[in-house]
mmCIF file of all heavy atoms, coordinates in Angstrom:
data_MODEL
# 
_entry.id   MODEL 
# 
loop_
_atom_site.group_PDB 
_atom_site.id 
_atom_site.type_symbol 
_atom_site.label_atom_id 
_atom_site.label_alt_id 
_atom_site.label_comp_id 
_atom_site.label_asym_id 
_atom_site.label_entity_id 
_atom_site.label_seq_id 
_atom_site.pdbx_PDB_ins_code 
_atom_site.Cartn_x 
_atom_site.Cartn_y 
_atom_site.Cartn_z 
_atom_site.occupancy 
_atom_site.B_iso_or_equiv 
_atom_site.pdbx_formal_charge 
_atom_site.auth_seq_id 
_atom_site.auth_comp_id 
_atom_site.auth_asym_id 
_atom_site.auth_atom_id 
_atom_site.pdbx_PDB_model_num 
ATOM 1   N N   . GLY A 1 1  ? 13.016 27.964 45.767 1.00 0.00 ? 1  GLY A N   1 
ATOM 2   C CA  . GLY A 1 1  ? 14.093 28.698 45.167 1.00 0.00 ? 1  GLY A CA  1 
ATOM 3   C C   . GLY A 1 1  ? 15.168 29.183 46.153 1.00 0.00 ? 1  GLY A C   1 
ATOM 4   O O   . GLY A 1 1  ? 16.429 29.157 45.879 1.00 0.00 ? 1  GLY A O   1 
ATOM 5   N N   . THR A 1 2  ? 14.736 29.515 47.365 1.00 0.00 ? 2  THR A N   1 
ATOM 6   C CA  . THR A 1 2  ? 15.633 29.926 48.496 1.00 0.00 ? 2  THR A CA  1 
ATOM 7   C C   . THR A 1 2  ? 16.463 28.715 48.958 1.00 0.00 ? 2  THR A C   1 
ATOM 8   O O   . THR A 1 2  ? 17.763 28.765 49.172 1.00 0.00 ? 2  THR A O   1 
ATOM 9   C CB  . THR A 1 2  ? 14.980 30.500 49.634 1.00 0.00 ? 2  THR A CB  1 
ATOM 10  O OG1 . THR A 1 2  ? 14.172 31.615 49.133 1.00 0.00 ? 2  THR A OG1 1 
ATOM 11  C CG2 . THR A 1 2  ? 15.955 31.191 50.694 1.00 0.00 ? 2  THR A CG2 1 
ATOM 12  N N   . ARG A 1 3  ? 15.774 27.457 48.994 1.00 0.00 ? 3  ARG A N   1 
ATOM 13  C CA  . ARG A 1 3  ? 16.497 26.366 49.433 1.00 0.00 ? 3  ARG A CA  1 
ATOM 14  C C   . ARG A 1 3  ? 17.635 25.920 48.452 1.00 0.00 ? 3  ARG A C   1 
ATOM 15  O O   . ARG A 1 3  ? 18.692 25.481 48.904 1.00 0.00 ? 3  ARG A O   1 
ATOM 16  C CB  . ARG A 1 3  ? 15.576 25.057 49.636 1.00 0.00 ? 3  ARG A CB  1 
ATOM 17  C CG  . ARG A 1 3  ? 14.559 25.384 50.689 1.00 0.00 ? 3  ARG A CG  1 
ATOM 18  C CD  . ARG A 1 3  ? 13.910 24.017 51.258 1.00 0.00 ? 3  ARG A CD  1 
ATOM 19  N NE  . ARG A 1 3  ? 13.393 23.334 50.209 1.00 0.00 ? 3  ARG A NE  1 
ATOM 20  C CZ  . ARG A 1 3  ? 11.943 23.278 49.827 1.00 0.00 ? 3  ARG A CZ  1 
ATOM 21  N NH1 . ARG A 1 3  ? 11.245 24.150 50.406 1.00 0.00 ? 3  ARG A NH1 1 
ATOM 22  N NH2 . ARG A 1 3  ? 11.573 22.579 48.939 1.00 0.00 ? 3  ARG A NH2 1 
ATOM 23  N N   . THR A 1 4  ? 17.363 26.242 47.178 1.00 0.00 ? 4  THR A N   1 
ATOM 24  C CA  . THR A 1 4  ? 18.393 25.938 46.314 1.00 0.00 ? 4  THR A CA  1 
ATOM 25  C C   . THR A 1 4  ? 19.643 26.819 46.554 1.00 0.00 ? 4  THR A C   1 
ATOM 26  O O   . THR A 1 4  ? 20.756 26.441 46.337 1.00 0.00 ? 4  THR A O   1 
ATOM 27  C CB  . THR A 1 4  ? 17.948 26.076 44.829 1.00 0.00 ? 4  THR A CB  1 
ATOM 28  O OG1 . THR A 1 4  ? 17.533 27.478 44.527 1.00 0.00 ? 4  THR A OG1 1 
ATOM 29  C CG2 . THR A 1 4  ? 16.859 25.087 44.527 1.00 0.00 ? 4  THR A CG2 1 
ATOM 30  N N   . ARG A 1 5  ? 19.434 28.040 46.894 1.00 0.00 ? 5  ARG A N   1 
ATOM 31  C CA  . ARG A 1 5  ? 20.576 28.993 47.184 1.00 0.00 ? 5  ARG A CA  1 
ATOM 32  C C   . ARG A 1 5  ? 21.206 28.442 48.486 1.00 0.00 ? 5  ARG A C   1 
ATOM 33  O O   . ARG A 1 5  ? 22.530 28.549 48.591 1.00 0.00 ? 5  ARG A O   1 
ATOM 34  C CB  . ARG A 1 5  ? 20.136 30.330 47.321 1.00 0.00 ? 5  ARG A CB  1 
ATOM 35  C CG  . ARG A 1 5  ? 19.995 31.202 46.063 1.00 0.00 ? 5  ARG A CG  1 
ATOM 36  C CD  . ARG A 1 5  ? 19.712 32.710 46.280 1.00 0.00 ? 5  ARG A CD  1 
ATOM 37  N NE  . ARG A 1 5  ? 18.365 32.878 46.820 1.00 0.00 ? 5  ARG A NE  1 
ATOM 38  C CZ  . ARG A 1 5  ? 18.194 33.761 47.578 1.00 0.00 ? 5  ARG A CZ  1 
ATOM 39  N NH1 . ARG A 1 5  ? 19.059 34.548 48.110 1.00 0.00 ? 5  ARG A NH1 1 
ATOM 40  N NH2 . ARG A 1 5  ? 16.890 34.028 48.059 1.00 0.00 ? 5  ARG A NH2 1 
ATOM 41  N N   . VAL A 1 6  ? 20.653 27.932 49.482 1.00 0.00 ? 6  VAL A N   1 
ATOM 42  C CA  . VAL A 1 6  ? 21.200 27.405 50.626 1.00 0.00 ? 6  VAL A CA  1 
ATOM 43  C C   . VAL A 1 6  ? 22.072 26.198 50.270 1.00 0.00 ? 6  VAL A C   1 
ATOM 44  O O   . VAL A 1 6  ? 23.265 26.243 50.758 1.00 0.00 ? 6  VAL A O   1 
ATOM 45  C CB  . VAL A 1 6  ? 20.138 26.992 51.617 1.00 0.00 ? 6  VAL A CB  1 
ATOM 46  C CG1 . VAL A 1 6  ? 20.842 26.311 52.792 1.00 0.00 ? 6  VAL A CG1 1 
ATOM 47  C CG2 . VAL A 1 6  ? 19.302 28.179 52.063 1.00 0.00 ? 6  VAL A CG2 1 
ATOM 48  N N   . GLU A 1 7  ? 21.616 25.488 49.376 1.00 0.00 ? 7  GLU A N   1 
ATOM 49  C CA  . GLU A 1 7  ? 22.580 24.213 49.036 1.00 0.00 ? 7  GLU A CA  1 
ATOM 50  C C   . GLU A 1 7  ? 23.684 24.737 48.255 1.00 0.00 ? 7  GLU A C   1 
ATOM 51  O O   . GLU A 1 7  ? 24.867 24.151 48.443 1.00 0.00 ? 7  GLU A O   1 
ATOM 52  C CB  . GLU A 1 7  ? 21.704 23.257 48.181 1.00 0.00 ? 7  GLU A CB  1 
ATOM 53  C CG  . GLU A 1 7  ? 22.570 22.009 47.816 1.00 0.00 ? 7  GLU A CG  1 
ATOM 54  C CD  . GLU A 1 7  ? 21.867 20.920 47.025 1.00 0.00 ? 7  GLU A CD  1 
ATOM 55  O OE1 . GLU A 1 7  ? 21.109 21.361 46.104 1.00 0.00 ? 7  GLU A OE1 1 
ATOM 56  O OE2 . GLU A 1 7  ? 22.075 19.710 47.332 1.00 0.00 ? 7  GLU A OE2 1 
ATOM 57  N N   . TYR A 1 8  ? 23.461 25.815 47.333 1.00 0.00 ? 8  TYR A N   1 
ATOM 58  C CA  . TYR A 1 8  ? 24.560 26.381 46.611 1.00 0.00 ? 8  TYR A CA  1 
ATOM 59  C C   . TYR A 1 8  ? 25.702 27.023 47.614 1.00 0.00 ? 8  TYR A C   1 
ATOM 60  O O   . TYR A 1 8  ? 26.814 26.834 47.415 1.00 0.00 ? 8  TYR A O   1 
ATOM 61  C CB  . TYR A 1 8  ? 24.133 27.485 45.740 1.00 0.00 ? 8  TYR A CB  1 
ATOM 62  C CG  . TYR A 1 8  ? 24.913 27.859 44.571 1.00 0.00 ? 8  TYR A CG  1 
ATOM 63  C CD1 . TYR A 1 8  ? 24.738 27.432 43.314 1.00 0.00 ? 8  TYR A CD1 1 
ATOM 64  C CD2 . TYR A 1 8  ? 26.005 28.761 44.686 1.00 0.00 ? 8  TYR A CD2 1 
ATOM 65  C CE1 . TYR A 1 8  ? 25.495 27.635 42.196 1.00 0.00 ? 8  TYR A CE1 1 
ATOM 66  C CE2 . TYR A 1 8  ? 26.844 29.159 43.670 1.00 0.00 ? 8  TYR A CE2 1 
ATOM 67  C CZ  . TYR A 1 8  ? 26.500 28.646 42.459 1.00 0.00 ? 8  TYR A CZ  1 
ATOM 68  O OH  . TYR A 1 8  ? 27.365 28.920 41.323 1.00 0.00 ? 8  TYR A OH  1 
ATOM 69  N N   . ALA A 1 9  ? 25.157 27.723 48.760 1.00 0.00 ? 9  ALA A N   1 
ATOM 70  C CA  . ALA A 1 9  ? 26.020 28.159 49.683 1.00 0.00 ? 9  ALA A CA  1 
ATOM 71  C C   . ALA A 1 9  ? 26.784 27.253 50.368 1.00 0.00 ? 9  ALA A C   1 
ATOM 72  O O   . ALA A 1 9  ? 28.082 27.310 50.741 1.00 0.00 ? 9  ALA A O   1 
ATOM 73  C CB  . ALA A 1 9  ? 25.226 29.101 50.667 1.00 0.00 ? 9  ALA A CB  1 
ATOM 74  N N   . ARG A 1 10 ? 26.196 26.087 50.725 1.00 0.00 ? 10 ARG A N   1 
ATOM 75  C CA  . ARG A 1 10 ? 26.934 24.975 51.339 1.00 0.00 ? 10 ARG A CA  1 
ATOM 76  C C   . ARG A 1 10 ? 27.998 24.473 50.648 1.00 0.00 ? 10 ARG A C   1 
ATOM 77  O O   . ARG A 1 10 ? 29.171 24.214 51.065 1.00 0.00 ? 10 ARG A O   1 
ATOM 78  C CB  . ARG A 1 10 ? 25.975 23.924 51.906 1.00 0.00 ? 10 ARG A CB  1 
ATOM 79  C CG  . ARG A 1 10 ? 26.619 22.838 52.548 1.00 0.00 ? 10 ARG A CG  1 
ATOM 80  C CD  . ARG A 1 10 ? 25.519 21.744 52.974 1.00 0.00 ? 10 ARG A CD  1 
ATOM 81  N NE  . ARG A 1 10 ? 24.872 21.187 51.824 1.00 0.00 ? 10 ARG A NE  1 
ATOM 82  C CZ  . ARG A 1 10 ? 23.834 20.323 52.083 1.00 0.00 ? 10 ARG A CZ  1 
ATOM 83  N NH1 . ARG A 1 10 ? 23.408 20.011 53.196 1.00 0.00 ? 10 ARG A NH1 1 
ATOM 84  N NH2 . ARG A 1 10 ? 23.234 19.855 50.854 1.00 0.00 ? 10 ARG A NH2 1 
ATOM 85  N N   . ALA A 1 11 ? 27.740 24.286 49.157 1.00 0.00 ? 11 ALA A N   1 
ATOM 86  C CA  . ALA A 1 11 ? 28.892 23.897 48.396 1.00 0.00 ? 11 ALA A CA  1 
ATOM 87  C C   . ALA A 1 11 ? 29.957 24.952 48.249 1.00 0.00 ? 11 ALA A C   1 
ATOM 88  O O   . ALA A 1 11 ? 31.275 24.465 48.301 1.00 0.00 ? 11 ALA A O   1 
ATOM 89  C CB  . ALA A 1 11 ? 28.298 23.694 46.906 1.00 0.00 ? 11 ALA A CB  1 
ATOM 90  N N   . LEU A 1 12 ? 29.754 26.236 48.351 1.00 0.00 ? 12 LEU A N   1 
ATOM 91  C CA  . LEU A 1 12 ? 30.736 27.220 48.272 1.00 0.00 ? 12 LEU A CA  1 
ATOM 92  C C   . LEU A 1 12 ? 31.572 27.230 49.607 1.00 0.00 ? 12 LEU A C   1 
ATOM 93  O O   . LEU A 1 12 ? 32.765 27.554 49.546 1.00 0.00 ? 12 LEU A O   1 
ATOM 94  C CB  . LEU A 1 12 ? 30.209 28.596 48.083 1.00 0.00 ? 12 LEU A CB  1 
ATOM 95  C CG  . LEU A 1 12 ? 29.599 28.894 46.768 1.00 0.00 ? 12 LEU A CG  1 
ATOM 96  C CD1 . LEU A 1 12 ? 29.021 30.292 46.725 1.00 0.00 ? 12 LEU A CD1 1 
ATOM 97  C CD2 . LEU A 1 12 ? 30.719 28.727 45.665 1.00 0.00 ? 12 LEU A CD2 1 
ATOM 98  N N   . ALA A 1 13 ? 30.846 26.866 50.729 1.00 0.00 ? 13 ALA A N   1 
ATOM 99  C CA  . ALA A 1 13 ? 31.584 26.759 51.971 1.00 0.00 ? 13 ALA A CA  1 
ATOM 100 C C   . ALA A 1 13 ? 32.677 25.632 52.038 1.00 0.00 ? 13 ALA A C   1 
ATOM 101 O O   . ALA A 1 13 ? 33.486 25.706 52.852 1.00 0.00 ? 13 ALA A O   1 
ATOM 102 C CB  . ALA A 1 13 ? 30.601 26.595 53.132 1.00 0.00 ? 13 ALA A CB  1 
ATOM 103 N N   . MET A 1 14 ? 32.647 24.784 51.046 1.00 0.00 ? 14 MET A N   1 
ATOM 104 C CA  . MET A 1 14 ? 33.679 23.814 50.862 1.00 0.00 ? 14 MET A CA  1 
ATOM 105 C C   . MET A 1 14 ? 34.913 24.399 50.320 1.00 0.00 ? 14 MET A C   1 
ATOM 106 O O   . MET A 1 14 ? 35.965 23.605 50.357 1.00 0.00 ? 14 MET A O   1 
ATOM 107 C CB  . MET A 1 14 ? 33.232 22.600 50.068 1.00 0.00 ? 14 MET A CB  1 
ATOM 108 C CG  . MET A 1 14 ? 31.970 21.904 50.650 1.00 0.00 ? 14 MET A CG  1 
ATOM 109 S SD  . MET A 1 14 ? 31.496 20.519 49.484 1.00 0.00 ? 14 MET A SD  1 
ATOM 110 C CE  . MET A 1 14 ? 29.999 19.944 50.324 1.00 0.00 ? 14 MET A CE  1 
ATOM 111 N N   . ARG A 1 15 ? 35.020 25.639 50.111 1.00 0.00 ? 15 ARG A N   1 
ATOM 112 C CA  . ARG A 1 15 ? 36.158 26.268 49.377 1.00 0.00 ? 15 ARG A CA  1 
ATOM 113 C C   . ARG A 1 15 ? 36.482 25.408 48.059 1.00 0.00 ? 15 ARG A C   1 
ATOM 114 O O   . ARG A 1 15 ? 37.771 25.124 47.880 1.00 0.00 ? 15 ARG A O   1 
ATOM 115 C CB  . ARG A 1 15 ? 37.312 26.234 50.276 1.00 0.00 ? 15 ARG A CB  1 
ATOM 116 C CG  . ARG A 1 15 ? 37.172 27.031 51.623 1.00 0.00 ? 15 ARG A CG  1 
ATOM 117 C CD  . ARG A 1 15 ? 38.241 27.065 52.527 1.00 0.00 ? 15 ARG A CD  1 
ATOM 118 N NE  . ARG A 1 15 ? 38.093 27.573 53.773 1.00 0.00 ? 15 ARG A NE  1 
ATOM 119 C CZ  . ARG A 1 15 ? 38.900 27.555 54.936 1.00 0.00 ? 15 ARG A CZ  1 
ATOM 120 N NH1 . ARG A 1 15 ? 39.963 26.810 54.723 1.00 0.00 ? 15 ARG A NH1 1 
ATOM 121 N NH2 . ARG A 1 15 ? 38.578 27.983 55.953 1.00 0.00 ? 15 ARG A NH2 1 
ATOM 122 N N   . PRO A 1 16 ? 35.581 25.194 47.238 1.00 0.00 ? 16 PRO A N   1 
ATOM 123 C CA  . PRO A 1 16 ? 35.882 24.440 46.095 1.00 0.00 ? 16 PRO A CA  1 
ATOM 124 C C   . PRO A 1 16 ? 36.684 25.001 45.005 1.00 0.00 ? 16 PRO A C   1 
ATOM 125 O O   . PRO A 1 16 ? 36.706 26.275 44.820 1.00 0.00 ? 16 PRO A O   1 
ATOM 126 C CB  . PRO A 1 16 ? 34.369 24.123 45.495 1.00 0.00 ? 16 PRO A CB  1 
ATOM 127 C CG  . PRO A 1 16 ? 33.680 25.362 45.764 1.00 0.00 ? 16 PRO A CG  1 
ATOM 128 C CD  . PRO A 1 16 ? 34.204 25.781 47.164 1.00 0.00 ? 16 PRO A CD  1 
ATOM 129 N N   . LYS A 1 17 ? 37.609 24.323 44.309 1.00 0.00 ? 17 LYS A N   1 
ATOM 130 C CA  . LYS A 1 17 ? 38.187 24.627 43.128 1.00 0.00 ? 17 LYS A CA  1 
ATOM 131 C C   . LYS A 1 17 ? 37.237 24.519 41.953 1.00 0.00 ? 17 LYS A C   1 
ATOM 132 O O   . LYS A 1 17 ? 37.332 25.297 41.031 1.00 0.00 ? 17 LYS A O   1 
ATOM 133 C CB  . LYS A 1 17 ? 39.347 23.832 42.807 1.00 0.00 ? 17 LYS A CB  1 
ATOM 134 C CG  . LYS A 1 17 ? 40.480 23.866 43.961 1.00 0.00 ? 17 LYS A CG  1 
ATOM 135 C CD  . LYS A 1 17 ? 41.611 22.888 43.769 1.00 0.00 ? 17 LYS A CD  1 
ATOM 136 C CE  . LYS A 1 17 ? 42.653 22.752 44.776 1.00 0.00 ? 17 LYS A CE  1 
ATOM 137 N NZ  . LYS A 1 17 ? 43.635 21.680 44.644 1.00 0.00 ? 17 LYS A NZ  1 
ATOM 138 N N   . VAL A 1 18 ? 36.351 23.442 42.012 1.00 0.00 ? 18 VAL A N   1 
ATOM 139 C CA  . VAL A 1 18 ? 35.397 23.255 40.913 1.00 0.00 ? 18 VAL A CA  1 
ATOM 140 C C   . VAL A 1 18 ? 34.089 22.907 41.653 1.00 0.00 ? 18 VAL A C   1 
ATOM 141 O O   . VAL A 1 18 ? 34.043 22.271 42.724 1.00 0.00 ? 18 VAL A O   1 
ATOM 142 C CB  . VAL A 1 18 ? 35.846 22.180 40.039 1.00 0.00 ? 18 VAL A CB  1 
ATOM 143 C CG1 . VAL A 1 18 ? 36.131 20.927 40.767 1.00 0.00 ? 18 VAL A CG1 1 
ATOM 144 C CG2 . VAL A 1 18 ? 34.756 21.931 38.916 1.00 0.00 ? 18 VAL A CG2 1 
ATOM 145 N N   . ILE A 1 19 ? 32.941 23.392 41.058 1.00 0.00 ? 19 ILE A N   1 
ATOM 146 C CA  . ILE A 1 19 ? 31.701 23.121 41.701 1.00 0.00 ? 19 ILE A CA  1 
ATOM 147 C C   . ILE A 1 19 ? 30.861 22.340 40.566 1.00 0.00 ? 19 ILE A C   1 
ATOM 148 O O   . ILE A 1 19 ? 30.831 22.752 39.448 1.00 0.00 ? 19 ILE A O   1 
ATOM 149 C CB  . ILE A 1 19 ? 30.955 24.336 42.132 1.00 0.00 ? 19 ILE A CB  1 
ATOM 150 C CG1 . ILE A 1 19 ? 29.668 24.033 42.828 1.00 0.00 ? 19 ILE A CG1 1 
ATOM 151 C CG2 . ILE A 1 19 ? 30.670 25.370 41.058 1.00 0.00 ? 19 ILE A CG2 1 
ATOM 152 C CD1 . ILE A 1 19 ? 28.996 25.115 43.631 1.00 0.00 ? 19 ILE A CD1 1 
ATOM 153 N N   . LEU A 1 20 ? 30.308 21.211 40.868 1.00 0.00 ? 20 LEU A N   1 
ATOM 154 C CA  . LEU A 1 20 ? 29.468 20.501 40.048 1.00 0.00 ? 20 LEU A CA  1 
ATOM 155 C C   . LEU A 1 20 ? 28.017 20.722 40.368 1.00 0.00 ? 20 LEU A C   1 
ATOM 156 O O   . LEU A 1 20 ? 27.516 20.569 41.488 1.00 0.00 ? 20 LEU A O   1 
ATOM 157 C CB  . LEU A 1 20 ? 29.762 18.863 40.333 1.00 0.00 ? 20 LEU A CB  1 
ATOM 158 C CG  . LEU A 1 20 ? 31.251 18.398 40.392 1.00 0.00 ? 20 LEU A CG  1 
ATOM 159 C CD1 . LEU A 1 20 ? 31.314 16.929 40.756 1.00 0.00 ? 20 LEU A CD1 1 
ATOM 160 C CD2 . LEU A 1 20 ? 31.956 18.898 39.113 1.00 0.00 ? 20 LEU A CD2 1 
ATOM 161 N N   . LEU A 1 21 ? 27.309 21.243 39.244 1.00 0.00 ? 21 LEU A N   1 
ATOM 162 C CA  . LEU A 1 21 ? 25.991 21.627 39.472 1.00 0.00 ? 21 LEU A CA  1 
ATOM 163 C C   . LEU A 1 21 ? 25.049 20.775 38.699 1.00 0.00 ? 21 LEU A C   1 
ATOM 164 O O   . LEU A 1 21 ? 25.121 20.692 37.575 1.00 0.00 ? 21 LEU A O   1 
ATOM 165 C CB  . LEU A 1 21 ? 25.728 23.162 39.003 1.00 0.00 ? 21 LEU A CB  1 
ATOM 166 C CG  . LEU A 1 21 ? 26.689 24.189 39.551 1.00 0.00 ? 21 LEU A CG  1 
ATOM 167 C CD1 . LEU A 1 21 ? 26.417 25.439 39.088 1.00 0.00 ? 21 LEU A CD1 1 
ATOM 168 C CD2 . LEU A 1 21 ? 26.389 24.262 41.102 1.00 0.00 ? 21 LEU A CD2 1 
ATOM 169 N N   . ASP A 1 22 ? 24.228 19.950 39.316 1.00 0.00 ? 22 ASP A N   1 
ATOM 170 C CA  . ASP A 1 22 ? 23.364 18.914 38.794 1.00 0.00 ? 22 ASP A CA  1 
ATOM 171 C C   . ASP A 1 22 ? 22.002 19.521 38.670 1.00 0.00 ? 22 ASP A C   1 
ATOM 172 O O   . ASP A 1 22 ? 21.259 19.551 39.677 1.00 0.00 ? 22 ASP A O   1 
ATOM 173 C CB  . ASP A 1 22 ? 23.377 17.567 39.618 1.00 0.00 ? 22 ASP A CB  1 
ATOM 174 C CG  . ASP A 1 22 ? 22.770 16.550 38.997 1.00 0.00 ? 22 ASP A CG  1 
ATOM 175 O OD1 . ASP A 1 22 ? 22.273 16.705 37.864 1.00 0.00 ? 22 ASP A OD1 1 
ATOM 176 O OD2 . ASP A 1 22 ? 22.708 15.385 39.577 1.00 0.00 ? 22 ASP A OD2 1 
ATOM 177 N N   . GLU A 1 23 ? 21.578 19.891 37.511 1.00 0.00 ? 23 GLU A N   1 
ATOM 178 C CA  . GLU A 1 23 ? 20.206 20.427 37.202 1.00 0.00 ? 23 GLU A CA  1 
ATOM 179 C C   . GLU A 1 23 ? 19.903 21.471 38.052 1.00 0.00 ? 23 GLU A C   1 
ATOM 180 O O   . GLU A 1 23 ? 18.800 21.471 38.702 1.00 0.00 ? 23 GLU A O   1 
ATOM 181 C CB  . GLU A 1 23 ? 19.154 19.366 37.246 1.00 0.00 ? 23 GLU A CB  1 
ATOM 182 C CG  . GLU A 1 23 ? 19.416 18.105 36.261 1.00 0.00 ? 23 GLU A CG  1 
ATOM 183 C CD  . GLU A 1 23 ? 19.040 18.474 34.887 1.00 0.00 ? 23 GLU A CD  1 
ATOM 184 O OE1 . GLU A 1 23 ? 18.549 19.581 34.533 1.00 0.00 ? 23 GLU A OE1 1 
ATOM 185 O OE2 . GLU A 1 23 ? 19.199 17.495 34.036 1.00 0.00 ? 23 GLU A OE2 1 
ATOM 186 N N   . PRO A 1 24 ? 20.594 22.599 38.311 1.00 0.00 ? 24 PRO A N   1 
ATOM 187 C CA  . PRO A 1 24 ? 20.336 23.623 39.196 1.00 0.00 ? 24 PRO A CA  1 
ATOM 188 C C   . PRO A 1 24 ? 19.106 24.500 38.873 1.00 0.00 ? 24 PRO A C   1 
ATOM 189 O O   . PRO A 1 24 ? 18.494 25.099 39.663 1.00 0.00 ? 24 PRO A O   1 
ATOM 190 C CB  . PRO A 1 24 ? 21.584 24.583 39.106 1.00 0.00 ? 24 PRO A CB  1 
ATOM 191 C CG  . PRO A 1 24 ? 22.158 24.422 37.844 1.00 0.00 ? 24 PRO A CG  1 
ATOM 192 C CD  . PRO A 1 24 ? 21.852 22.875 37.534 1.00 0.00 ? 24 PRO A CD  1 
ATOM 193 N N   . ALA A 1 25 ? 18.559 24.369 37.551 1.00 0.00 ? 25 ALA A N   1 
ATOM 194 C CA  . ALA A 1 25 ? 17.429 25.198 37.307 1.00 0.00 ? 25 ALA A CA  1 
ATOM 195 C C   . ALA A 1 25 ? 16.188 24.405 37.399 1.00 0.00 ? 25 ALA A C   1 
ATOM 196 O O   . ALA A 1 25 ? 15.069 24.975 37.248 1.00 0.00 ? 25 ALA A O   1 
ATOM 197 C CB  . ALA A 1 25 ? 17.677 25.621 35.816 1.00 0.00 ? 25 ALA A CB  1 
ATOM 198 N N   . ALA A 1 26 ? 16.242 23.094 37.779 1.00 0.00 ? 26 ALA A N   1 
ATOM 199 C CA  . ALA A 1 26 ? 14.980 22.366 37.958 1.00 0.00 ? 26 ALA A CA  1 
ATOM 200 C C   . ALA A 1 26 ? 14.103 22.854 38.958 1.00 0.00 ? 26 ALA A C   1 
ATOM 201 O O   . ALA A 1 26 ? 14.415 23.128 40.130 1.00 0.00 ? 26 ALA A O   1 
ATOM 202 C CB  . ALA A 1 26 ? 15.492 20.829 38.305 1.00 0.00 ? 26 ALA A CB  1 
ATOM 203 N N   . GLY A 1 27 ? 12.795 23.077 38.638 1.00 0.00 ? 27 GLY A N   1 
ATOM 204 C CA  . GLY A 1 27 ? 11.810 23.630 39.564 1.00 0.00 ? 27 GLY A CA  1 
ATOM 205 C C   . GLY A 1 27 ? 11.873 25.109 39.791 1.00 0.00 ? 27 GLY A C   1 
ATOM 206 O O   . GLY A 1 27 ? 11.032 25.577 40.518 1.00 0.00 ? 27 GLY A O   1 
ATOM 207 N N   . LEU A 1 28 ? 12.716 25.850 39.042 1.00 0.00 ? 28 LEU A N   1 
ATOM 208 C CA  . LEU A 1 28 ? 12.854 27.288 39.169 1.00 0.00 ? 28 LEU A CA  1 
ATOM 209 C C   . LEU A 1 28 ? 11.913 27.992 38.088 1.00 0.00 ? 28 LEU A C   1 
ATOM 210 O O   . LEU A 1 28 ? 11.758 27.355 36.950 1.00 0.00 ? 28 LEU A O   1 
ATOM 211 C CB  . LEU A 1 28 ? 14.232 27.804 38.989 1.00 0.00 ? 28 LEU A CB  1 
ATOM 212 C CG  . LEU A 1 28 ? 15.294 27.288 39.930 1.00 0.00 ? 28 LEU A CG  1 
ATOM 213 C CD1 . LEU A 1 28 ? 16.583 27.893 39.715 1.00 0.00 ? 28 LEU A CD1 1 
ATOM 214 C CD2 . LEU A 1 28 ? 14.791 27.460 41.474 1.00 0.00 ? 28 LEU A CD2 1 
ATOM 215 N N   . ASN A 1 29 ? 11.346 29.177 38.414 1.00 0.00 ? 29 ASN A N   1 
ATOM 216 C CA  . ASN A 1 29 ? 10.569 29.881 37.443 1.00 0.00 ? 29 ASN A CA  1 
ATOM 217 C C   . ASN A 1 29 ? 11.531 30.641 36.523 1.00 0.00 ? 29 ASN A C   1 
ATOM 218 O O   . ASN A 1 29 ? 12.728 30.704 36.734 1.00 0.00 ? 29 ASN A O   1 
ATOM 219 C CB  . ASN A 1 29 ? 9.523  30.738 38.133 1.00 0.00 ? 29 ASN A CB  1 
ATOM 220 C CG  . ASN A 1 29 ? 10.194 31.737 39.025 1.00 0.00 ? 29 ASN A CG  1 
ATOM 221 O OD1 . ASN A 1 29 ? 11.264 32.362 38.792 1.00 0.00 ? 29 ASN A OD1 1 
ATOM 222 N ND2 . ASN A 1 29 ? 9.502  32.112 40.193 1.00 0.00 ? 29 ASN A ND2 1 
ATOM 223 N N   . HIS A 1 30 ? 10.936 31.342 35.644 1.00 0.00 ? 30 HIS A N   1 
ATOM 224 C CA  . HIS A 1 30 ? 11.740 32.121 34.519 1.00 0.00 ? 30 HIS A CA  1 
ATOM 225 C C   . HIS A 1 30 ? 12.640 33.129 35.359 1.00 0.00 ? 30 HIS A C   1 
ATOM 226 O O   . HIS A 1 30 ? 13.859 33.219 35.000 1.00 0.00 ? 30 HIS A O   1 
ATOM 227 C CB  . HIS A 1 30 ? 10.796 32.762 33.542 1.00 0.00 ? 30 HIS A CB  1 
ATOM 228 C CG  . HIS A 1 30 ? 11.587 33.589 32.508 1.00 0.00 ? 30 HIS A CG  1 
ATOM 229 N ND1 . HIS A 1 30 ? 12.280 33.044 31.539 1.00 0.00 ? 30 HIS A ND1 1 
ATOM 230 C CD2 . HIS A 1 30 ? 11.808 34.872 32.462 1.00 0.00 ? 30 HIS A CD2 1 
ATOM 231 C CE1 . HIS A 1 30 ? 12.850 33.875 30.779 1.00 0.00 ? 30 HIS A CE1 1 
ATOM 232 N NE2 . HIS A 1 30 ? 12.577 35.103 31.298 1.00 0.00 ? 30 HIS A NE2 1 
ATOM 233 N N   . GLU A 1 31 ? 12.226 33.912 36.176 1.00 0.00 ? 31 GLU A N   1 
ATOM 234 C CA  . GLU A 1 31 ? 13.022 34.870 36.792 1.00 0.00 ? 31 GLU A CA  1 
ATOM 235 C C   . GLU A 1 31 ? 14.218 34.229 37.685 1.00 0.00 ? 31 GLU A C   1 
ATOM 236 O O   . GLU A 1 31 ? 15.157 34.798 37.715 1.00 0.00 ? 31 GLU A O   1 
ATOM 237 C CB  . GLU A 1 31 ? 12.123 35.772 37.771 1.00 0.00 ? 31 GLU A CB  1 
ATOM 238 C CG  . GLU A 1 31 ? 12.924 36.874 38.422 1.00 0.00 ? 31 GLU A CG  1 
ATOM 239 C CD  . GLU A 1 31 ? 13.659 37.777 37.544 1.00 0.00 ? 31 GLU A CD  1 
ATOM 240 O OE1 . GLU A 1 31 ? 13.157 38.036 36.403 1.00 0.00 ? 31 GLU A OE1 1 
ATOM 241 O OE2 . GLU A 1 31 ? 14.731 38.271 37.931 1.00 0.00 ? 31 GLU A OE2 1 
# 
């Protein structure tokens, strides 16, 4: 779960206008 946030952070570091999220909930628990 923390690694997914790291990848998300890396995408935000690109200063995106749009972010493409490919199955971001895969492997995550309910919380």
